[in-house]
Amino acid sequence: MTVNTPVDVTAVRAIVVDILELEDDELTGSSLFVEDHGADSLGAIEILSRIEKELGVVIAQEDLVKLVNLDAVLAVLATAERRQP
């Protein structure tokens, strides 16, 4: 089952800003986590984990490589499955 409600962009943005230790205005939709913000692979995994936990979704492990910027995260979330209660 895919997500039927809009993605909470504010919550996703807050998670990414917190994990990457950025100021809110430093993160744009297209700024790259690794190249522009110095994230490592552990940071990407932490972003994935927090989004899954806080937003109640399941993101396929193969989608991890797609999580390169905020726009990509939002695109992946648009097709993510809701976690079963």
N, C-alpha and C. Protein backbone atom coordinates (compact mmCIF):
# COMPACT_ATOMS: atom_id res chain seq x y z
N MET A 1 0.84 -1.17 0.00
CA MET A 1 0.00 0.00 0.00
C MET A 1 0.89 1.24 0.00
N THR A 2 0.60 2.20 -0.84
CA THR A 2 1.39 3.42 -0.89
C THR A 2 0.81 4.46 0.06
N VAL A 3 1.59 5.48 0.32
CA VAL A 3 1.18 6.55 1.21
C VAL A 3 0.02 7.29 0.56
N ASN A 4 -1.08 7.45 1.31
CA ASN A 4 -2.26 8.11 0.77
C ASN A 4 -2.37 9.56 1.20
N THR A 5 -1.54 9.98 2.08
CA THR A 5 -1.59 11.35 2.57
C THR A 5 -0.35 12.09 2.10
N PRO A 6 -0.44 13.41 2.04
CA PRO A 6 0.74 14.17 1.62
C PRO A 6 1.94 13.93 2.54
N VAL A 7 3.10 13.99 1.97
CA VAL A 7 4.33 13.84 2.74
C VAL A 7 4.50 15.08 3.61
N ASP A 8 4.86 14.88 4.86
CA ASP A 8 5.08 16.00 5.78
C ASP A 8 6.47 16.59 5.51
N VAL A 9 6.51 17.52 4.57
CA VAL A 9 7.78 18.10 4.13
C VAL A 9 8.50 18.77 5.30
N THR A 10 7.76 19.44 6.16
CA THR A 10 8.38 20.13 7.30
C THR A 10 9.07 19.14 8.23
N ALA A 11 8.43 18.02 8.48
CA ALA A 11 9.02 17.00 9.36
C ALA A 11 10.25 16.38 8.72
N VAL A 12 10.17 16.07 7.44
CA VAL A 12 11.31 15.48 6.73
C VAL A 12 12.48 16.45 6.74
N ARG A 13 12.20 17.69 6.45
CA ARG A 13 13.23 18.72 6.43
C ARG A 13 13.90 18.86 7.80
N ALA A 14 13.10 18.84 8.86
CA ALA A 14 13.62 18.96 10.23
C ALA A 14 14.54 17.79 10.56
N ILE A 15 14.18 16.60 10.13
CA ILE A 15 15.01 15.41 10.37
C ILE A 15 16.36 15.57 9.67
N VAL A 16 16.33 15.94 8.41
CA VAL A 16 17.57 16.07 7.63
C VAL A 16 18.46 17.17 8.22
N VAL A 17 17.88 18.31 8.55
CA VAL A 17 18.64 19.42 9.12
C VAL A 17 19.29 18.99 10.43
N ASP A 18 18.54 18.27 11.26
CA ASP A 18 19.07 17.82 12.55
C ASP A 18 20.22 16.84 12.37
N ILE A 19 20.04 15.84 11.54
CA ILE A 19 21.06 14.81 11.36
C ILE A 19 22.33 15.38 10.73
N LEU A 20 22.16 16.24 9.74
CA LEU A 20 23.32 16.80 9.05
C LEU A 20 23.89 18.03 9.76
N GLU A 21 23.25 18.41 10.88
CA GLU A 21 23.69 19.55 11.69
C GLU A 21 23.82 20.82 10.84
N LEU A 22 22.73 21.15 10.16
CA LEU A 22 22.68 22.31 9.28
C LEU A 22 21.78 23.39 9.85
N GLU A 23 21.96 24.60 9.37
CA GLU A 23 20.98 25.64 9.60
C GLU A 23 19.88 25.40 8.58
N ASP A 24 18.64 25.75 8.91
CA ASP A 24 17.53 25.48 8.01
C ASP A 24 17.73 26.06 6.62
N ASP A 25 18.29 27.26 6.53
CA ASP A 25 18.46 27.91 5.22
C ASP A 25 19.59 27.31 4.39
N GLU A 26 20.40 26.43 4.98
CA GLU A 26 21.48 25.78 4.24
C GLU A 26 20.96 24.63 3.37
N LEU A 27 19.81 24.07 3.73
CA LEU A 27 19.27 22.92 3.02
C LEU A 27 18.28 23.38 1.96
N THR A 28 18.57 23.03 0.72
CA THR A 28 17.63 23.28 -0.38
C THR A 28 17.16 21.92 -0.89
N GLY A 29 16.17 21.94 -1.75
CA GLY A 29 15.67 20.69 -2.31
C GLY A 29 16.71 19.94 -3.10
N SER A 30 17.59 20.70 -3.76
CA SER A 30 18.56 20.05 -4.65
C SER A 30 19.98 19.98 -4.09
N SER A 31 20.23 20.57 -2.91
CA SER A 31 21.59 20.49 -2.37
C SER A 31 21.87 19.04 -1.97
N LEU A 32 23.03 18.57 -2.35
CA LEU A 32 23.40 17.17 -2.15
C LEU A 32 23.93 16.93 -0.74
N PHE A 33 23.41 15.88 -0.11
CA PHE A 33 23.80 15.59 1.27
C PHE A 33 25.30 15.37 1.41
N VAL A 34 25.89 14.59 0.52
CA VAL A 34 27.31 14.26 0.62
C VAL A 34 28.19 15.40 0.11
N GLU A 35 27.98 15.78 -1.13
CA GLU A 35 28.86 16.76 -1.76
C GLU A 35 28.73 18.16 -1.16
N ASP A 36 27.50 18.59 -0.87
CA ASP A 36 27.29 19.95 -0.38
C ASP A 36 27.30 20.08 1.14
N HIS A 37 26.93 18.98 1.84
CA HIS A 37 26.78 19.07 3.29
C HIS A 37 27.69 18.13 4.07
N GLY A 38 28.54 17.38 3.38
CA GLY A 38 29.53 16.56 4.05
C GLY A 38 28.98 15.32 4.75
N ALA A 39 27.82 14.86 4.37
CA ALA A 39 27.25 13.66 4.99
C ALA A 39 28.06 12.43 4.58
N ASP A 40 28.05 11.43 5.45
CA ASP A 40 28.67 10.15 5.11
C ASP A 40 27.56 9.11 4.99
N SER A 41 27.92 7.87 4.69
CA SER A 41 26.91 6.84 4.50
C SER A 41 26.12 6.58 5.77
N LEU A 42 26.76 6.76 6.92
CA LEU A 42 26.05 6.59 8.19
C LEU A 42 24.96 7.64 8.34
N GLY A 43 25.23 8.85 7.87
CA GLY A 43 24.23 9.92 7.92
C GLY A 43 23.01 9.57 7.08
N ALA A 44 23.23 8.99 5.92
CA ALA A 44 22.13 8.59 5.05
C ALA A 44 21.28 7.51 5.71
N ILE A 45 21.94 6.56 6.36
CA ILE A 45 21.23 5.49 7.05
C ILE A 45 20.43 6.07 8.22
N GLU A 46 21.02 7.02 8.93
CA GLU A 46 20.31 7.65 10.05
C GLU A 46 19.09 8.43 9.56
N ILE A 47 19.22 9.13 8.42
CA ILE A 47 18.07 9.84 7.84
C ILE A 47 16.96 8.84 7.52
N LEU A 48 17.33 7.75 6.86
CA LEU A 48 16.36 6.70 6.52
C LEU A 48 15.67 6.17 7.77
N SER A 49 16.44 5.85 8.77
CA SER A 49 15.91 5.27 10.00
C SER A 49 14.95 6.22 10.71
N ARG A 50 15.36 7.46 10.86
CA ARG A 50 14.51 8.45 11.55
C ARG A 50 13.22 8.72 10.80
N ILE A 51 13.30 8.81 9.48
CA ILE A 51 12.10 9.05 8.68
C ILE A 51 11.14 7.88 8.84
N GLU A 52 11.66 6.67 8.77
CA GLU A 52 10.81 5.49 8.93
C GLU A 52 10.13 5.50 10.30
N LYS A 53 10.91 5.76 11.32
CA LYS A 53 10.38 5.73 12.69
C LYS A 53 9.39 6.86 12.95
N GLU A 54 9.76 8.08 12.60
CA GLU A 54 8.94 9.23 12.95
C GLU A 54 7.72 9.41 12.04
N LEU A 55 7.82 8.96 10.79
CA LEU A 55 6.70 9.14 9.86
C LEU A 55 5.91 7.86 9.65
N GLY A 56 6.36 6.76 10.27
CA GLY A 56 5.61 5.51 10.19
C GLY A 56 5.54 4.90 8.81
N VAL A 57 6.66 4.96 8.09
CA VAL A 57 6.72 4.38 6.74
C VAL A 57 7.85 3.37 6.68
N VAL A 58 7.81 2.55 5.62
CA VAL A 58 8.88 1.61 5.35
C VAL A 58 9.47 1.98 4.00
N ILE A 59 10.77 2.24 3.98
CA ILE A 59 11.47 2.57 2.75
C ILE A 59 12.35 1.38 2.39
N ALA A 60 12.22 0.93 1.16
CA ALA A 60 13.00 -0.23 0.69
C ALA A 60 14.50 0.09 0.77
N GLN A 61 15.30 -0.89 1.20
CA GLN A 61 16.74 -0.69 1.32
C GLN A 61 17.38 -0.27 0.00
N GLU A 62 16.85 -0.78 -1.11
CA GLU A 62 17.43 -0.40 -2.40
C GLU A 62 17.18 1.07 -2.73
N ASP A 63 16.24 1.70 -2.05
CA ASP A 63 15.99 3.13 -2.25
C ASP A 63 16.99 4.01 -1.50
N LEU A 64 17.79 3.42 -0.63
CA LEU A 64 18.77 4.18 0.14
C LEU A 64 19.70 4.97 -0.77
N VAL A 65 20.13 4.38 -1.88
CA VAL A 65 21.04 5.07 -2.79
C VAL A 65 20.40 6.27 -3.48
N LYS A 66 19.09 6.33 -3.48
CA LYS A 66 18.37 7.45 -4.09
C LYS A 66 18.30 8.67 -3.16
N LEU A 67 18.57 8.48 -1.88
CA LEU A 67 18.39 9.55 -0.91
C LEU A 67 19.59 10.49 -0.91
N VAL A 68 19.74 11.23 -2.00
CA VAL A 68 20.91 12.10 -2.17
C VAL A 68 20.64 13.55 -1.84
N ASN A 69 19.35 13.95 -1.85
CA ASN A 69 18.98 15.31 -1.48
C ASN A 69 17.52 15.31 -1.02
N LEU A 70 17.05 16.46 -0.56
CA LEU A 70 15.70 16.55 -0.02
C LEU A 70 14.65 16.19 -1.06
N ASP A 71 14.80 16.68 -2.28
CA ASP A 71 13.83 16.36 -3.33
C ASP A 71 13.73 14.86 -3.56
N ALA A 72 14.86 14.18 -3.56
CA ALA A 72 14.88 12.73 -3.78
C ALA A 72 14.22 11.99 -2.62
N VAL A 73 14.46 12.46 -1.40
CA VAL A 73 13.82 11.84 -0.23
C VAL A 73 12.31 11.97 -0.35
N LEU A 74 11.83 13.14 -0.71
CA LEU A 74 10.39 13.35 -0.84
C LEU A 74 9.80 12.49 -1.95
N ALA A 75 10.54 12.30 -3.04
CA ALA A 75 10.07 11.44 -4.13
C ALA A 75 9.97 9.99 -3.68
N VAL A 76 10.95 9.52 -2.93
CA VAL A 76 10.92 8.15 -2.41
C VAL A 76 9.75 7.99 -1.43
N LEU A 77 9.54 8.98 -0.59
CA LEU A 77 8.45 8.91 0.38
C LEU A 77 7.08 8.88 -0.29
N ALA A 78 6.97 9.48 -1.45
CA ALA A 78 5.69 9.50 -2.16
C ALA A 78 5.22 8.09 -2.53
N THR A 79 6.15 7.15 -2.60
CA THR A 79 5.79 5.77 -2.93
C THR A 79 6.09 4.79 -1.80
N ALA A 80 6.47 5.30 -0.65
CA ALA A 80 6.79 4.43 0.49
C ALA A 80 5.52 3.79 1.06
N GLU A 81 5.70 2.65 1.67
CA GLU A 81 4.57 1.96 2.29
C GLU A 81 4.42 2.38 3.74
N ARG A 82 3.17 2.47 4.18
CA ARG A 82 2.90 2.75 5.59
C ARG A 82 3.30 1.54 6.40
N ARG A 83 3.86 1.80 7.56
CA ARG A 83 4.22 0.72 8.48
C ARG A 83 2.93 0.12 9.05
N GLN A 84 2.89 -1.19 9.15
CA GLN A 84 1.73 -1.86 9.73
C GLN A 84 1.68 -1.61 11.23
N PRO A 85 0.50 -1.31 11.77
CA PRO A 85 0.39 -1.04 13.22
C PRO A 85 0.68 -2.25 14.06
